[in-house]
């Protein structure tokens, strides 16, 4: 990596009136990316793609969606130890993306509710066809399950945990626990990015 500009990546957003298109552009601090690359190098590995986990979770969900679900709006709620990300996807295009530092879980449930209202009021949505929760096991299995139930109560619909077993086969396991599935999901999304592009 050379030059002074931070690394950027562009993801297609929604088509807008008049034939235009919106884009979701991610920018990362060069020193942070280089620290990830150095850690991999010191471990004897090549970093390959350093990308946002949330974007690759979207890829994993899209790869597992039936073809007739492509046009329906859905919400990804990605929970990590120190941040949460919400993304609204319409027809395979990201039309809303918000990430913020983790606070209390009730703040997250409020944020999800606010996003649902914004989706209806400003994005012309009529409710989400599905809400997918990823990464909740980072807070512990019991806490993750409590968060899922709290979100269901707040949005009034079933919250699905992201399960990549619909698009990849885990051969050496009869059952996979939530932590393993949450750990694998971003990597599965990277591998399947060409399938959903």
C-alpha atoms as a PDB file:
ATOM      1  CA  UNK A   1       0.000   0.000   0.000  1.00  0.00           C
ATOM      2  CA  UNK A   2       1.488   3.303  -1.003  1.00  0.00           C
ATOM      3  CA  UNK A   3       0.343   6.883  -1.237  1.00  0.00           C
ATOM      4  CA  UNK A   4      -1.344   9.108   1.288  1.00  0.00           C
ATOM      5  CA  UNK A   5      -5.004   8.466   0.498  1.00  0.00           C
ATOM      6  CA  UNK A   6      -6.877   6.050   2.748  1.00  0.00           C
ATOM      7  CA  UNK A   7      -8.013   2.764   1.213  1.00  0.00           C
ATOM      8  CA  UNK A   8     -11.556   2.970  -0.122  1.00  0.00           C
ATOM      9  CA  UNK A   9     -14.056   0.458  -1.439  1.00  0.00           C
ATOM     10  CA  UNK A  10     -17.273   1.198  -3.270  1.00  0.00           C
ATOM     11  CA  UNK A  11     -20.449  -0.921  -3.128  1.00  0.00           C
ATOM     12  CA  UNK A  12     -23.420  -0.311  -5.366  1.00  0.00           C
ATOM     13  CA  UNK A  13     -26.453   1.234  -3.752  1.00  0.00           C
ATOM     14  CA  UNK A  14     -29.897   1.747  -5.185  1.00  0.00           C
ATOM     15  CA  UNK A  15     -30.880   3.027  -8.610  1.00  0.00           C
ATOM     16  CA  UNK A  16     -32.339   6.531  -8.474  1.00  0.00           C
ATOM     17  CA  UNK A  17     -34.691   8.439 -10.754  1.00  0.00           C
ATOM     18  CA  UNK A  18     -33.227   9.563 -14.045  1.00  0.00           C
ATOM     19  CA  UNK A  19     -30.955   6.553 -14.424  1.00  0.00           C
ATOM     20  CA  UNK A  20     -28.516   7.473 -11.657  1.00  0.00           C
ATOM     21  CA  UNK A  21     -27.148   5.197  -8.992  1.00  0.00           C
ATOM     22  CA  UNK A  22     -26.220   5.665  -5.360  1.00  0.00           C
ATOM     23  CA  UNK A  23     -23.088   4.097  -3.875  1.00  0.00           C
ATOM     24  CA  UNK A  24     -21.968   3.102  -0.407  1.00  0.00           C
ATOM     25  CA  UNK A  25     -18.327   4.104  -0.053  1.00  0.00           C
ATOM     26  CA  UNK A  26     -16.199   2.826   2.795  1.00  0.00           C
ATOM     27  CA  UNK A  27     -13.016   4.553   3.868  1.00  0.00           C
ATOM     28  CA  UNK A  28     -10.490   3.095   6.289  1.00  0.00           C
ATOM     29  CA  UNK A  29      -7.526   4.584   8.068  1.00  0.00           C
ATOM     30  CA  UNK A  30      -4.372   3.331   6.367  1.00  0.00           C
ATOM     31  CA  UNK A  31      -2.590   2.662   9.682  1.00  0.00           C
ATOM     32  CA  UNK A  32      -5.437   0.412  10.848  1.00  0.00           C
ATOM     33  CA  UNK A  33      -5.414  -1.627   7.617  1.00  0.00           C
ATOM     34  CA  UNK A  34      -1.623  -1.894   7.768  1.00  0.00           C
ATOM     35  CA  UNK A  35      -1.817  -3.148  11.373  1.00  0.00           C
ATOM     36  CA  UNK A  36      -4.114  -5.992  10.219  1.00  0.00           C
ATOM     37  CA  UNK A  37      -1.763  -6.788   7.349  1.00  0.00           C
ATOM     38  CA  UNK A  38       1.272  -6.781   9.685  1.00  0.00           C
ATOM     39  CA  UNK A  39      -0.458  -9.121  12.143  1.00  0.00           C
ATOM     40  CA  UNK A  40      -1.167 -11.580   9.336  1.00  0.00           C
ATOM     41  CA  UNK A  41       2.360 -11.264   7.980  1.00  0.00           C
ATOM     42  CA  UNK A  42       3.860 -11.915  11.432  1.00  0.00           C
ATOM     43  CA  UNK A  43       1.718 -15.049  11.650  1.00  0.00           C
ATOM     44  CA  UNK A  44       3.071 -16.197   8.284  1.00  0.00           C
ATOM     45  CA  UNK A  45      -0.141 -15.491   6.369  1.00  0.00           C
ATOM     46  CA  UNK A  46      -1.157 -13.108   3.603  1.00  0.00           C
ATOM     47  CA  UNK A  47      -4.036 -10.803   4.592  1.00  0.00           C
ATOM     48  CA  UNK A  48      -5.780 -10.927   1.230  1.00  0.00           C
ATOM     49  CA  UNK A  49      -8.947  -8.877   1.632  1.00  0.00           C
ATOM     50  CA  UNK A  50      -9.328  -6.519   4.573  1.00  0.00           C
ATOM     51  CA  UNK A  51     -12.961  -5.495   4.413  1.00  0.00           C
ATOM     52  CA  UNK A  52     -15.941  -4.569   6.552  1.00  0.00           C
ATOM     53  CA  UNK A  53     -17.498  -7.633   8.147  1.00  0.00           C
ATOM     54  CA  UNK A  54     -20.989  -6.127   7.777  1.00  0.00           C
ATOM     55  CA  UNK A  55     -20.677  -5.873   3.989  1.00  0.00           C
ATOM     56  CA  UNK A  56     -19.699  -9.518   3.777  1.00  0.00           C
ATOM     57  CA  UNK A  57     -22.552 -10.527   6.052  1.00  0.00           C
ATOM     58  CA  UNK A  58     -24.875  -8.880   3.522  1.00  0.00           C
ATOM     59  CA  UNK A  59     -23.219 -11.009   0.816  1.00  0.00           C
ATOM     60  CA  UNK A  60     -23.790 -14.161   2.885  1.00  0.00           C
ATOM     61  CA  UNK A  61     -27.490 -13.346   3.349  1.00  0.00           C
ATOM     62  CA  UNK A  62     -27.960 -12.492  -0.340  1.00  0.00           C
ATOM     63  CA  UNK A  63     -26.294 -15.738  -1.423  1.00  0.00           C
ATOM     64  CA  UNK A  64     -28.786 -17.715   0.647  1.00  0.00           C
ATOM     65  CA  UNK A  65     -31.923 -15.830  -0.414  1.00  0.00           C
ATOM     66  CA  UNK A  66     -34.353 -17.468  -2.800  1.00  0.00           C
ATOM     67  CA  UNK A  67     -34.567 -15.644  -6.125  1.00  0.00           C
ATOM     68  CA  UNK A  68     -38.110 -14.400  -5.540  1.00  0.00           C
ATOM     69  CA  UNK A  69     -36.976 -12.566  -2.361  1.00  0.00           C
ATOM     70  CA  UNK A  70     -34.567 -10.307  -4.260  1.00  0.00           C
ATOM     71  CA  UNK A  71     -36.876  -7.288  -4.444  1.00  0.00           C
ATOM     72  CA  UNK A  72     -38.074  -7.343  -0.826  1.00  0.00           C
ATOM     73  CA  UNK A  73     -36.487  -4.948   1.679  1.00  0.00           C
ATOM     74  CA  UNK A  74     -34.734  -6.595   4.605  1.00  0.00           C
ATOM     75  CA  UNK A  75     -32.654  -5.464   7.570  1.00  0.00           C
ATOM     76  CA  UNK A  76     -29.284  -6.743   8.769  1.00  0.00           C
ATOM     77  CA  UNK A  77     -28.452  -6.099  12.424  1.00  0.00           C
ATOM     78  CA  UNK A  78     -24.760  -6.835  12.966  1.00  0.00           C
ATOM     79  CA  UNK A  79     -23.635  -6.860  16.593  1.00  0.00           C
ATOM     80  CA  UNK A  80     -19.979  -6.892  17.637  1.00  0.00           C
ATOM     81  CA  UNK A  81     -18.333  -6.344  20.990  1.00  0.00           C
ATOM     82  CA  UNK A  82     -17.615  -2.675  20.359  1.00  0.00           C
ATOM     83  CA  UNK A  83     -20.040  -1.609  17.604  1.00  0.00           C
ATOM     84  CA  UNK A  84     -23.347  -2.342  15.910  1.00  0.00           C
ATOM     85  CA  UNK A  85     -24.215  -1.907  12.251  1.00  0.00           C
ATOM     86  CA  UNK A  86     -27.626  -1.730  10.605  1.00  0.00           C
ATOM     87  CA  UNK A  87     -28.087  -2.124   6.854  1.00  0.00           C
ATOM     88  CA  UNK A  88     -31.294  -2.031   4.826  1.00  0.00           C
ATOM     89  CA  UNK A  89     -31.066  -3.945   1.556  1.00  0.00           C
ATOM     90  CA  UNK A  90     -33.516  -3.591  -1.332  1.00  0.00           C
ATOM     91  CA  UNK A  91     -33.230  -5.861  -4.351  1.00  0.00           C
ATOM     92  CA  UNK A  92     -29.610  -6.651  -3.548  1.00  0.00           C
ATOM     93  CA  UNK A  93     -28.683  -2.966  -3.137  1.00  0.00           C
ATOM     94  CA  UNK A  94     -27.760  -1.345   0.165  1.00  0.00           C
ATOM     95  CA  UNK A  95     -30.082   1.644   0.617  1.00  0.00           C
ATOM     96  CA  UNK A  96     -29.217   2.432   4.244  1.00  0.00           C
ATOM     97  CA  UNK A  97     -26.057   1.762   6.266  1.00  0.00           C
ATOM     98  CA  UNK A  98     -25.328   2.931   9.788  1.00  0.00           C
ATOM     99  CA  UNK A  99     -22.616   1.855  12.184  1.00  0.00           C
ATOM    100  CA  UNK A 100     -22.027   3.167  15.684  1.00  0.00           C
ATOM    101  CA  UNK A 101     -20.145   2.364  18.854  1.00  0.00           C
ATOM    102  CA  UNK A 102     -21.829  -0.229  21.033  1.00  0.00           C
ATOM    103  CA  UNK A 103     -23.797   1.045  23.956  1.00  0.00           C
ATOM    104  CA  UNK A 104     -26.532  -0.641  25.953  1.00  0.00           C
ATOM    105  CA  UNK A 105     -28.723  -3.247  24.238  1.00  0.00           C
ATOM    106  CA  UNK A 106     -31.824  -1.102  24.790  1.00  0.00           C
ATOM    107  CA  UNK A 107     -30.072   1.616  22.766  1.00  0.00           C
ATOM    108  CA  UNK A 108     -29.681  -0.949  19.969  1.00  0.00           C
ATOM    109  CA  UNK A 109     -33.349  -1.914  20.124  1.00  0.00           C
ATOM    110  CA  UNK A 110     -34.234   1.798  19.936  1.00  0.00           C
ATOM    111  CA  UNK A 111     -31.855   2.215  16.980  1.00  0.00           C
ATOM    112  CA  UNK A 112     -33.480  -0.719  15.168  1.00  0.00           C
ATOM    113  CA  UNK A 113     -36.922   0.793  15.800  1.00  0.00           C
ATOM    114  CA  UNK A 114     -35.723   4.207  14.527  1.00  0.00           C
ATOM    115  CA  UNK A 115     -34.312   2.528  11.428  1.00  0.00           C
ATOM    116  CA  UNK A 116     -37.634   0.762  10.791  1.00  0.00           C
ATOM    117  CA  UNK A 117     -39.461   4.105  11.067  1.00  0.00           C
ATOM    118  CA  UNK A 118     -36.932   5.824   8.775  1.00  0.00           C
ATOM    119  CA  UNK A 119     -37.332   2.966   6.296  1.00  0.00           C
ATOM    120  CA  UNK A 120     -41.089   3.508   6.190  1.00  0.00           C
ATOM    121  CA  UNK A 121     -41.083   7.329   6.311  1.00  0.00           C
ATOM    122  CA  UNK A 122     -38.092   8.215   4.121  1.00  0.00           C
ATOM    123  CA  UNK A 123     -37.201   5.161   2.055  1.00  0.00           C
ATOM    124  CA  UNK A 124     -40.703   4.220   0.926  1.00  0.00           C
ATOM    125  CA  UNK A 125     -40.607   0.864   2.672  1.00  0.00           C
ATOM    126  CA  UNK A 126     -43.649  -1.006   3.855  1.00  0.00           C
ATOM    127  CA  UNK A 127     -41.923  -3.026   6.543  1.00  0.00           C
ATOM    128  CA  UNK A 128     -39.099  -5.523   6.320  1.00  0.00           C
ATOM    129  CA  UNK A 129     -39.566  -8.907   4.696  1.00  0.00           C
ATOM    130  CA  UNK A 130     -37.022 -10.225   7.185  1.00  0.00           C
ATOM    131  CA  UNK A 131     -34.680  -9.065   9.922  1.00  0.00           C
ATOM    132  CA  UNK A 132     -31.377 -10.933  10.187  1.00  0.00           C
ATOM    133  CA  UNK A 133     -29.240 -10.782  13.332  1.00  0.00           C
ATOM    134  CA  UNK A 134     -25.519 -11.547  13.046  1.00  0.00           C
ATOM    135  CA  UNK A 135     -22.767 -11.575  15.645  1.00  0.00           C
ATOM    136  CA  UNK A 136     -24.997 -11.647  18.725  1.00  0.00           C
ATOM    137  CA  UNK A 137     -22.989 -14.544  20.160  1.00  0.00           C
ATOM    138  CA  UNK A 138     -20.075 -12.097  20.611  1.00  0.00           C
ATOM    139  CA  UNK A 139     -21.933 -11.033  23.747  1.00  0.00           C
ATOM    140  CA  UNK A 140     -22.365 -14.608  24.933  1.00  0.00           C
ATOM    141  CA  UNK A 141     -24.975 -17.125  23.832  1.00  0.00           C
ATOM    142  CA  UNK A 142     -27.490 -16.251  26.559  1.00  0.00           C
ATOM    143  CA  UNK A 143     -27.053 -12.489  26.089  1.00  0.00           C
ATOM    144  CA  UNK A 144     -27.308 -12.915  22.315  1.00  0.00           C
ATOM    145  CA  UNK A 145     -30.564 -14.817  22.686  1.00  0.00           C
ATOM    146  CA  UNK A 146     -31.921 -12.167  25.074  1.00  0.00           C
ATOM    147  CA  UNK A 147     -30.992  -9.459  22.555  1.00  0.00           C
ATOM    148  CA  UNK A 148     -32.783 -11.372  19.773  1.00  0.00           C
ATOM    149  CA  UNK A 149     -35.952 -11.628  21.903  1.00  0.00           C
ATOM    150  CA  UNK A 150     -35.747  -7.924  22.854  1.00  0.00           C
ATOM    151  CA  UNK A 151     -35.446  -6.990  19.177  1.00  0.00           C
ATOM    152  CA  UNK A 152     -38.428  -9.209  18.307  1.00  0.00           C
ATOM    153  CA  UNK A 153     -40.506  -7.480  20.970  1.00  0.00           C
ATOM    154  CA  UNK A 154     -39.471  -4.060  19.692  1.00  0.00           C
ATOM    155  CA  UNK A 155     -40.022  -4.595  15.950  1.00  0.00           C
ATOM    156  CA  UNK A 156     -42.942  -7.013  16.290  1.00  0.00           C
ATOM    157  CA  UNK A 157     -41.567  -9.714  14.028  1.00  0.00           C
ATOM    158  CA  UNK A 158     -39.322 -12.767  14.085  1.00  0.00           C
ATOM    159  CA  UNK A 159     -35.592 -12.021  14.114  1.00  0.00           C
ATOM    160  CA  UNK A 160     -33.558 -14.654  12.240  1.00  0.00           C
ATOM    161  CA  UNK A 161     -30.026 -15.497  13.312  1.00  0.00           C
ATOM    162  CA  UNK A 162     -27.666 -15.519  10.316  1.00  0.00           C
ATOM    163  CA  UNK A 163     -26.964 -19.153   9.499  1.00  0.00           C
ATOM    164  CA  UNK A 164     -24.603 -19.757   6.578  1.00  0.00           C
ATOM    165  CA  UNK A 165     -25.294 -23.502   6.454  1.00  0.00           C
ATOM    166  CA  UNK A 166     -27.809 -22.818   3.700  1.00  0.00           C
ATOM    167  CA  UNK A 167     -24.992 -21.768   1.344  1.00  0.00           C
ATOM    168  CA  UNK A 168     -21.986 -23.738   2.624  1.00  0.00           C
ATOM    169  CA  UNK A 169     -21.572 -27.215   4.035  1.00  0.00           C
ATOM    170  CA  UNK A 170     -19.782 -27.794   7.327  1.00  0.00           C
ATOM    171  CA  UNK A 171     -18.488 -31.313   6.797  1.00  0.00           C
ATOM    172  CA  UNK A 172     -16.750 -32.068  10.061  1.00  0.00           C
ATOM    173  CA  UNK A 173     -19.643 -31.172  12.374  1.00  0.00           C
ATOM    174  CA  UNK A 174     -23.074 -32.560  13.035  1.00  0.00           C
ATOM    175  CA  UNK A 175     -24.168 -29.288  14.647  1.00  0.00           C
ATOM    176  CA  UNK A 176     -22.557 -25.850  14.745  1.00  0.00           C
ATOM    177  CA  UNK A 177     -22.917 -23.573  17.743  1.00  0.00           C
ATOM    178  CA  UNK A 178     -23.846 -19.874  17.359  1.00  0.00           C
ATOM    179  CA  UNK A 179     -20.276 -18.677  18.004  1.00  0.00           C
ATOM    180  CA  UNK A 180     -18.903 -20.783  15.158  1.00  0.00           C
ATOM    181  CA  UNK A 181     -21.629 -19.662  12.759  1.00  0.00           C
ATOM    182  CA  UNK A 182     -21.069 -15.992  13.679  1.00  0.00           C
ATOM    183  CA  UNK A 183     -17.305 -16.403  13.214  1.00  0.00           C
ATOM    184  CA  UNK A 184     -17.656 -18.043   9.795  1.00  0.00           C
ATOM    185  CA  UNK A 185     -20.320 -15.735   8.334  1.00  0.00           C
ATOM    186  CA  UNK A 186     -18.082 -12.809   7.212  1.00  0.00           C
ATOM    187  CA  UNK A 187     -15.578 -15.191   5.577  1.00  0.00           C
ATOM    188  CA  UNK A 188     -18.417 -16.983   3.783  1.00  0.00           C
ATOM    189  CA  UNK A 189     -19.642 -13.588   2.552  1.00  0.00           C
ATOM    190  CA  UNK A 190     -16.177 -12.801   1.127  1.00  0.00           C
ATOM    191  CA  UNK A 191     -16.105 -16.131  -0.713  1.00  0.00           C
ATOM    192  CA  UNK A 192     -19.607 -15.620  -2.098  1.00  0.00           C
ATOM    193  CA  UNK A 193     -19.227 -11.965  -3.103  1.00  0.00           C
ATOM    194  CA  UNK A 194     -18.936 -12.828  -6.803  1.00  0.00           C
ATOM    195  CA  UNK A 195     -22.103 -14.937  -6.637  1.00  0.00           C
ATOM    196  CA  UNK A 196     -24.164 -11.958  -5.461  1.00  0.00           C
ATOM    197  CA  UNK A 197     -22.435  -9.258  -7.537  1.00  0.00           C
END
